[in-house]
Amino acid sequence: MKKLVILASIILCTISIQAQPGTISLNLDAGYTFHDKVDFDAAYTDVQAAFRYGGGIEYFAGFNKSITLKYHRMDTHFPLYTQAGVQINNDENSKGSVNYILLGGNTYFGDVEAKARPYGGLGLGVGVIGVNDNSVSKFAWDARLGVKVKTASIVSLKLEAYMQSIISTFGSDIWVSGGGVAYAVPDYATLWQFGFTGILCFDFKK
């Protein structure tokens, strides 16, 4: 995870030196993420809805393109159930968090002088899930749609809907070919999280 942050910082610094003049935006956000059920064959967990917060930096390489590096966290619960619906762990042991470190980009639409500009973006990186002082890091990504509203000051506001996901293997299934040969194939569990957030942006001209 540290290597990813260092690499992303180097990329951002390189872009800021070589790219077209733009702005650097420091972003602080707070929002709400809805719950999602994750199936593990013999059991499942229902990752509880929770408040999400975080921040990041956004560099505008042009008037309509930006590069983003951000961190988000939500403190939540991971109740674990059998397929019959019987909870295996108690509330105290189900406490945990979901964290994202993502590098990506946004594309803005409309006139650069417009007060409100819609945008969309994608990001790739690392998702860190922690439960009971144990954590695991897996591949993560996100997609987002929103609108940025400018003010007369350096402060602007974004309203955004997002989908974020963490993908992990957790064992294997047996697949039998038409010829009767059995193969072990990885089994996957995917966390899908949808939510809304408001982002306070501090835009500084280069």
C-alpha atoms as a PDB file:
ATOM      1  CA  MET A   1       0.000   0.000   0.000  1.00  0.00           C
ATOM      2  CA  LYS A   2       2.852   2.403   0.805  1.00  0.00           C
ATOM      3  CA  LYS A   3       4.422   1.636  -2.591  1.00  0.00           C
ATOM      4  CA  LEU A   4       1.143   2.528  -4.332  1.00  0.00           C
ATOM      5  CA  VAL A   5       0.933   5.891  -2.530  1.00  0.00           C
ATOM      6  CA  ILE A   6       4.572   6.714  -3.396  1.00  0.00           C
ATOM      7  CA  LEU A   7       4.087   5.728  -7.046  1.00  0.00           C
ATOM      8  CA  ALA A   8       0.891   7.766  -7.323  1.00  0.00           C
ATOM      9  CA  SER A   9       2.607  10.809  -5.795  1.00  0.00           C
ATOM     10  CA  ILE A  10       5.463  10.557  -8.313  1.00  0.00           C
ATOM     11  CA  ILE A  11       2.985  10.338 -11.196  1.00  0.00           C
ATOM     12  CA  LEU A  12       1.087  13.398  -9.974  1.00  0.00           C
ATOM     13  CA  CYS A  13       4.280  15.405  -9.566  1.00  0.00           C
ATOM     14  CA  THR A  14       5.449  14.454 -13.070  1.00  0.00           C
ATOM     15  CA  ILE A  15       2.111  15.460 -14.582  1.00  0.00           C
ATOM     16  CA  SER A  16       2.106  18.782 -12.743  1.00  0.00           C
ATOM     17  CA  ILE A  17       5.504  19.623 -14.263  1.00  0.00           C
ATOM     18  CA  GLN A  18       4.763  18.566 -17.857  1.00  0.00           C
ATOM     19  CA  ALA A  19       1.034  19.154 -18.322  1.00  0.00           C
ATOM     20  CA  GLN A  20      -0.843  22.241 -19.453  1.00  0.00           C
ATOM     21  CA  PRO A  21      -1.382  25.015 -16.886  1.00  0.00           C
ATOM     22  CA  GLY A  22      -4.332  24.207 -14.680  1.00  0.00           C
ATOM     23  CA  THR A  23      -5.380  24.152 -11.065  1.00  0.00           C
ATOM     24  CA  ILE A  24      -4.758  21.910  -8.104  1.00  0.00           C
ATOM     25  CA  SER A  25      -7.799  21.138  -5.982  1.00  0.00           C
ATOM     26  CA  LEU A  26      -7.675  19.897  -2.401  1.00  0.00           C
ATOM     27  CA  ASN A  27     -10.883  17.966  -1.764  1.00  0.00           C
ATOM     28  CA  LEU A  28     -12.624  17.018   1.481  1.00  0.00           C
ATOM     29  CA  ASP A  29     -15.710  14.839   1.277  1.00  0.00           C
ATOM     30  CA  ALA A  30     -18.365  13.264   3.432  1.00  0.00           C
ATOM     31  CA  GLY A  31     -21.192  11.005   2.319  1.00  0.00           C
ATOM     32  CA  TYR A  32     -23.234   7.888   2.885  1.00  0.00           C
ATOM     33  CA  THR A  33     -22.633   4.352   1.577  1.00  0.00           C
ATOM     34  CA  PHE A  34     -25.468   1.810   1.436  1.00  0.00           C
ATOM     35  CA  HIS A  35     -25.211  -1.785   2.673  1.00  0.00           C
ATOM     36  CA  ASP A  36     -24.197  -4.738   0.489  1.00  0.00           C
ATOM     37  CA  LYS A  37     -24.431  -8.516   0.884  1.00  0.00           C
ATOM     38  CA  VAL A  38     -21.291 -10.518   0.075  1.00  0.00           C
ATOM     39  CA  ASP A  39     -21.708 -14.263  -0.467  1.00  0.00           C
ATOM     40  CA  PHE A  40     -19.046 -16.822   0.587  1.00  0.00           C
ATOM     41  CA  ASP A  41     -20.938 -19.986  -0.450  1.00  0.00           C
ATOM     42  CA  ALA A  42     -21.373 -21.514   3.035  1.00  0.00           C
ATOM     43  CA  ALA A  43     -21.926 -18.120   4.661  1.00  0.00           C
ATOM     44  CA  TYR A  44     -22.449 -14.458   3.849  1.00  0.00           C
ATOM     45  CA  THR A  45     -21.904 -11.050   5.367  1.00  0.00           C
ATOM     46  CA  ASP A  46     -24.067  -7.960   5.088  1.00  0.00           C
ATOM     47  CA  VAL A  47     -21.663  -4.994   5.158  1.00  0.00           C
ATOM     48  CA  GLN A  48     -23.689  -2.361   6.989  1.00  0.00           C
ATOM     49  CA  ALA A  49     -24.498   1.078   5.574  1.00  0.00           C
ATOM     50  CA  ALA A  50     -22.352   3.807   7.097  1.00  0.00           C
ATOM     51  CA  PHE A  51     -21.002   7.340   6.904  1.00  0.00           C
ATOM     52  CA  ARG A  52     -18.009   7.710   4.540  1.00  0.00           C
ATOM     53  CA  TYR A  53     -15.337  10.387   4.784  1.00  0.00           C
ATOM     54  CA  GLY A  54     -11.991  11.184   3.213  1.00  0.00           C
ATOM     55  CA  GLY A  55     -10.053  13.518   0.998  1.00  0.00           C
ATOM     56  CA  GLY A  56      -7.713  13.786  -1.921  1.00  0.00           C
ATOM     57  CA  ILE A  57      -5.883  15.913  -4.427  1.00  0.00           C
ATOM     58  CA  GLU A  58      -7.014  16.621  -7.995  1.00  0.00           C
ATOM     59  CA  TYR A  59      -4.726  18.071 -10.642  1.00  0.00           C
ATOM     60  CA  PHE A  60      -6.309  19.613 -13.753  1.00  0.00           C
ATOM     61  CA  ALA A  61      -4.014  18.707 -16.641  1.00  0.00           C
ATOM     62  CA  GLY A  62      -6.375  20.619 -18.942  1.00  0.00           C
ATOM     63  CA  PHE A  63      -9.677  22.437 -18.694  1.00  0.00           C
ATOM     64  CA  ASN A  64     -11.696  19.232 -19.041  1.00  0.00           C
ATOM     65  CA  LYS A  65      -9.341  16.520 -17.710  1.00  0.00           C
ATOM     66  CA  SER A  66      -8.015  15.891 -14.212  1.00  0.00           C
ATOM     67  CA  ILE A  67      -5.940  13.314 -12.341  1.00  0.00           C
ATOM     68  CA  THR A  68      -7.041  12.321  -8.841  1.00  0.00           C
ATOM     69  CA  LEU A  69      -5.452  10.625  -5.846  1.00  0.00           C
ATOM     70  CA  LYS A  70      -7.799  10.040  -2.910  1.00  0.00           C
ATOM     71  CA  TYR A  71      -8.407   8.137   0.307  1.00  0.00           C
ATOM     72  CA  HIS A  72     -11.820   7.174   1.714  1.00  0.00           C
ATOM     73  CA  ARG A  73     -12.860   5.336   4.859  1.00  0.00           C
ATOM     74  CA  MET A  74     -16.067   4.049   6.400  1.00  0.00           C
ATOM     75  CA  ASP A  75     -16.389   2.479   9.848  1.00  0.00           C
ATOM     76  CA  THR A  76     -18.973  -0.259   9.723  1.00  0.00           C
ATOM     77  CA  HIS A  77     -19.988  -3.762  10.889  1.00  0.00           C
ATOM     78  CA  PHE A  78     -19.547  -7.122   9.156  1.00  0.00           C
ATOM     79  CA  PRO A  79     -22.168  -9.466  10.667  1.00  0.00           C
ATOM     80  CA  LEU A  80     -21.532 -12.999   9.397  1.00  0.00           C
ATOM     81  CA  TYR A  81     -24.459 -15.376   8.768  1.00  0.00           C
ATOM     82  CA  THR A  82     -24.928 -18.962   7.718  1.00  0.00           C
ATOM     83  CA  GLN A  83     -27.041 -19.479   4.604  1.00  0.00           C
ATOM     84  CA  ALA A  84     -29.893 -20.301   6.999  1.00  0.00           C
ATOM     85  CA  GLY A  85     -29.679 -16.759   8.397  1.00  0.00           C
ATOM     86  CA  VAL A  86     -28.054 -17.574  11.779  1.00  0.00           C
ATOM     87  CA  GLN A  87     -25.501 -14.952  12.843  1.00  0.00           C
ATOM     88  CA  ILE A  88     -22.104 -16.498  13.613  1.00  0.00           C
ATOM     89  CA  ASN A  89     -20.300 -13.526  15.171  1.00  0.00           C
ATOM     90  CA  ASN A  90     -21.552 -11.019  17.732  1.00  0.00           C
ATOM     91  CA  ASP A  91     -21.818  -7.270  17.215  1.00  0.00           C
ATOM     92  CA  GLU A  92     -18.555  -6.537  19.026  1.00  0.00           C
ATOM     93  CA  ASN A  93     -16.574  -8.954  16.842  1.00  0.00           C
ATOM     94  CA  SER A  94     -18.167  -7.622  13.658  1.00  0.00           C
ATOM     95  CA  LYS A  95     -16.739  -4.100  13.962  1.00  0.00           C
ATOM     96  CA  GLY A  96     -14.443  -3.044  11.159  1.00  0.00           C
ATOM     97  CA  SER A  97     -13.719  -0.585   8.379  1.00  0.00           C
ATOM     98  CA  VAL A  98     -13.523  -0.338   4.611  1.00  0.00           C
ATOM     99  CA  ASN A  99     -10.772   1.862   3.147  1.00  0.00           C
ATOM    100  CA  TYR A 100      -9.954   2.869  -0.416  1.00  0.00           C
ATOM    101  CA  ILE A 101      -6.772   4.365  -1.895  1.00  0.00           C
ATOM    102  CA  LEU A 102      -7.477   5.155  -5.545  1.00  0.00           C
ATOM    103  CA  LEU A 103      -5.672   6.804  -8.448  1.00  0.00           C
ATOM    104  CA  GLY A 104      -7.851   7.871 -11.355  1.00  0.00           C
ATOM    105  CA  GLY A 105      -9.205  10.665 -13.469  1.00  0.00           C
ATOM    106  CA  ASN A 106     -12.243  12.824 -14.211  1.00  0.00           C
ATOM    107  CA  THR A 107     -13.644  14.211 -17.431  1.00  0.00           C
ATOM    108  CA  TYR A 108     -15.643  17.451 -17.182  1.00  0.00           C
ATOM    109  CA  PHE A 109     -18.291  18.548 -19.681  1.00  0.00           C
ATOM    110  CA  GLY A 110     -19.579  21.937 -20.769  1.00  0.00           C
ATOM    111  CA  ASP A 111     -18.050  25.389 -20.946  1.00  0.00           C
ATOM    112  CA  VAL A 112     -15.099  26.011 -18.642  1.00  0.00           C
ATOM    113  CA  GLU A 113     -16.699  29.291 -17.472  1.00  0.00           C
ATOM    114  CA  ALA A 114     -19.989  27.625 -16.505  1.00  0.00           C
ATOM    115  CA  LYS A 115     -20.972  27.798 -12.837  1.00  0.00           C
ATOM    116  CA  ALA A 116     -22.033  24.132 -12.817  1.00  0.00           C
ATOM    117  CA  ARG A 117     -20.144  21.468 -14.771  1.00  0.00           C
ATOM    118  CA  PRO A 118     -21.103  17.760 -14.867  1.00  0.00           C
ATOM    119  CA  TYR A 119     -18.329  15.168 -14.782  1.00  0.00           C
ATOM    120  CA  GLY A 120     -17.623  11.447 -14.709  1.00  0.00           C
ATOM    121  CA  GLY A 121     -14.607   9.478 -13.602  1.00  0.00           C
ATOM    122  CA  LEU A 122     -12.924   6.158 -12.912  1.00  0.00           C
ATOM    123  CA  GLY A 123     -10.293   5.062 -10.407  1.00  0.00           C
ATOM    124  CA  LEU A 124      -8.132   2.017  -9.654  1.00  0.00           C
ATOM    125  CA  GLY A 125      -6.205   1.100  -6.548  1.00  0.00           C
ATOM    126  CA  VAL A 126      -6.294  -0.783  -3.271  1.00  0.00           C
ATOM    127  CA  GLY A 127      -9.156  -1.616  -0.947  1.00  0.00           C
ATOM    128  CA  VAL A 128      -8.292  -2.397   2.678  1.00  0.00           C
ATOM    129  CA  ILE A 129     -10.836  -4.237   4.818  1.00  0.00           C
ATOM    130  CA  GLY A 130     -10.158  -4.403   8.543  1.00  0.00           C
ATOM    131  CA  VAL A 131     -12.018  -6.524  11.105  1.00  0.00           C
ATOM    132  CA  ASN A 132     -10.924  -7.157  14.714  1.00  0.00           C
ATOM    133  CA  ASP A 133      -7.443  -5.660  14.241  1.00  0.00           C
ATOM    134  CA  ASN A 134      -6.866  -7.834  11.168  1.00  0.00           C
ATOM    135  CA  SER A 135      -6.715  -6.332   7.692  1.00  0.00           C
ATOM    136  CA  VAL A 136      -6.453  -7.504   4.106  1.00  0.00           C
ATOM    137  CA  SER A 137      -5.590  -5.474   0.991  1.00  0.00           C
ATOM    138  CA  LYS A 138      -7.223  -6.291  -2.352  1.00  0.00           C
ATOM    139  CA  PHE A 139      -7.744  -4.788  -5.789  1.00  0.00           C
ATOM    140  CA  ALA A 140     -10.364  -2.019  -5.842  1.00  0.00           C
ATOM    141  CA  TRP A 141     -11.950   0.376  -8.316  1.00  0.00           C
ATOM    142  CA  ASP A 142     -14.601   3.052  -8.433  1.00  0.00           C
ATOM    143  CA  ALA A 143     -16.815   4.941 -10.900  1.00  0.00           C
ATOM    144  CA  ARG A 144     -18.526   8.267 -10.262  1.00  0.00           C
ATOM    145  CA  LEU A 145     -20.888  10.832 -11.759  1.00  0.00           C
ATOM    146  CA  GLY A 146     -21.421  14.295 -10.381  1.00  0.00           C
ATOM    147  CA  VAL A 147     -21.573  18.034 -10.859  1.00  0.00           C
ATOM    148  CA  LYS A 148     -19.117  20.690  -9.694  1.00  0.00           C
ATOM    149  CA  VAL A 149     -20.580  24.042  -8.664  1.00  0.00           C
ATOM    150  CA  LYS A 150     -18.225  27.036  -8.628  1.00  0.00           C
ATOM    151  CA  THR A 151     -18.400  30.076  -6.360  1.00  0.00           C
ATOM    152  CA  ALA A 152     -16.745  33.478  -6.538  1.00  0.00           C
ATOM    153  CA  SER A 153     -14.028  32.274  -4.126  1.00  0.00           C
ATOM    154  CA  ILE A 154     -11.505  29.447  -4.318  1.00  0.00           C
ATOM    155  CA  VAL A 155     -14.084  27.153  -2.696  1.00  0.00           C
ATOM    156  CA  SER A 156     -16.382  25.041  -4.866  1.00  0.00           C
ATOM    157  CA  LEU A 157     -18.762  22.170  -4.184  1.00  0.00           C
ATOM    158  CA  LYS A 158     -19.229  18.778  -5.807  1.00  0.00           C
ATOM    159  CA  LEU A 159     -22.321  16.608  -5.517  1.00  0.00           C
ATOM    160  CA  GLU A 160     -21.498  13.027  -6.512  1.00  0.00           C
ATOM    161  CA  ALA A 161     -22.957   9.536  -6.846  1.00  0.00           C
ATOM    162  CA  TYR A 162     -20.423   6.711  -6.755  1.00  0.00           C
ATOM    163  CA  MET A 163     -19.991   2.972  -7.139  1.00  0.00           C
ATOM    164  CA  GLN A 164     -16.942   1.413  -5.496  1.00  0.00           C
ATOM    165  CA  SER A 165     -15.887  -2.217  -5.346  1.00  0.00           C
ATOM    166  CA  ILE A 166     -13.321  -4.561  -3.803  1.00  0.00           C
ATOM    167  CA  ILE A 167     -12.644  -7.950  -5.440  1.00  0.00           C
ATOM    168  CA  SER A 168     -11.095 -10.917  -3.612  1.00  0.00           C
ATOM    169  CA  THR A 169     -10.533 -14.646  -4.044  1.00  0.00           C
ATOM    170  CA  PHE A 170     -11.455 -16.822  -1.051  1.00  0.00           C
ATOM    171  CA  GLY A 171     -10.910 -20.409  -2.124  1.00  0.00           C
ATOM    172  CA  SER A 172     -11.749 -22.497  -5.173  1.00  0.00           C
ATOM    173  CA  ASP A 173     -14.569 -24.335  -6.892  1.00  0.00           C
ATOM    174  CA  ILE A 174     -14.340 -27.563  -8.885  1.00  0.00           C
ATOM    175  CA  TRP A 175     -15.232 -27.367 -12.566  1.00  0.00           C
ATOM    176  CA  VAL A 176     -15.621 -30.559 -14.595  1.00  0.00           C
ATOM    177  CA  SER A 177     -15.026 -30.393 -18.338  1.00  0.00           C
ATOM    178  CA  GLY A 178     -17.011 -32.288 -20.963  1.00  0.00           C
ATOM    179  CA  GLY A 179     -14.280 -34.931 -21.003  1.00  0.00           C
ATOM    180  CA  GLY A 180     -14.674 -35.591 -17.284  1.00  0.00           C
ATOM    181  CA  VAL A 181     -11.487 -33.783 -16.222  1.00  0.00           C
ATOM    182  CA  ALA A 182     -11.839 -31.798 -12.965  1.00  0.00           C
ATOM    183  CA  TYR A 183     -10.212 -28.386 -12.519  1.00  0.00           C
ATOM    184  CA  ALA A 184      -9.910 -26.173  -9.453  1.00  0.00           C
ATOM    185  CA  VAL A 185     -10.880 -22.588 -10.353  1.00  0.00           C
ATOM    186  CA  PRO A 186     -10.652 -19.555  -8.042  1.00  0.00           C
ATOM    187  CA  ASP A 187     -13.806 -18.475  -6.244  1.00  0.00           C
ATOM    188  CA  TYR A 188     -14.436 -14.744  -5.989  1.00  0.00           C
ATOM    189  CA  ALA A 189     -16.244 -12.518  -3.520  1.00  0.00           C
ATOM    190  CA  THR A 190     -17.022  -8.955  -4.577  1.00  0.00           C
ATOM    191  CA  LEU A 191     -18.073  -6.036  -2.425  1.00  0.00           C
ATOM    192  CA  TRP A 192     -20.258  -3.549  -4.335  1.00  0.00           C
ATOM    193  CA  GLN A 193     -20.882  -0.235  -2.596  1.00  0.00           C
ATOM    194  CA  PHE A 194     -23.130   2.557  -3.854  1.00  0.00           C
ATOM    195  CA  GLY A 195     -23.520   5.943  -2.246  1.00  0.00           C
ATOM    196  CA  PHE A 196     -23.760   9.725  -2.418  1.00  0.00           C
ATOM    197  CA  THR A 197     -21.282  12.316  -1.222  1.00  0.00           C
ATOM    198  CA  GLY A 198     -20.683  16.045  -1.010  1.00  0.00           C
ATOM    199  CA  ILE A 199     -17.156  17.305  -1.695  1.00  0.00           C
ATOM    200  CA  LEU A 200     -15.739  20.620  -0.573  1.00  0.00           C
ATOM    201  CA  CYS A 201     -13.043  21.720  -3.049  1.00  0.00           C
ATOM    202  CA  PHE A 202     -10.309  24.309  -2.529  1.00  0.00           C
ATOM    203  CA  ASP A 203      -9.034  25.267  -5.986  1.00  0.00           C
ATOM    204  CA  PHE A 204      -5.556  26.767  -6.254  1.00  0.00           C
ATOM    205  CA  LYS A 205      -4.227  28.078  -9.562  1.00  0.00           C
ATOM    206  CA  LYS A 206      -0.811  26.859 -10.569  1.00  0.00           C
END
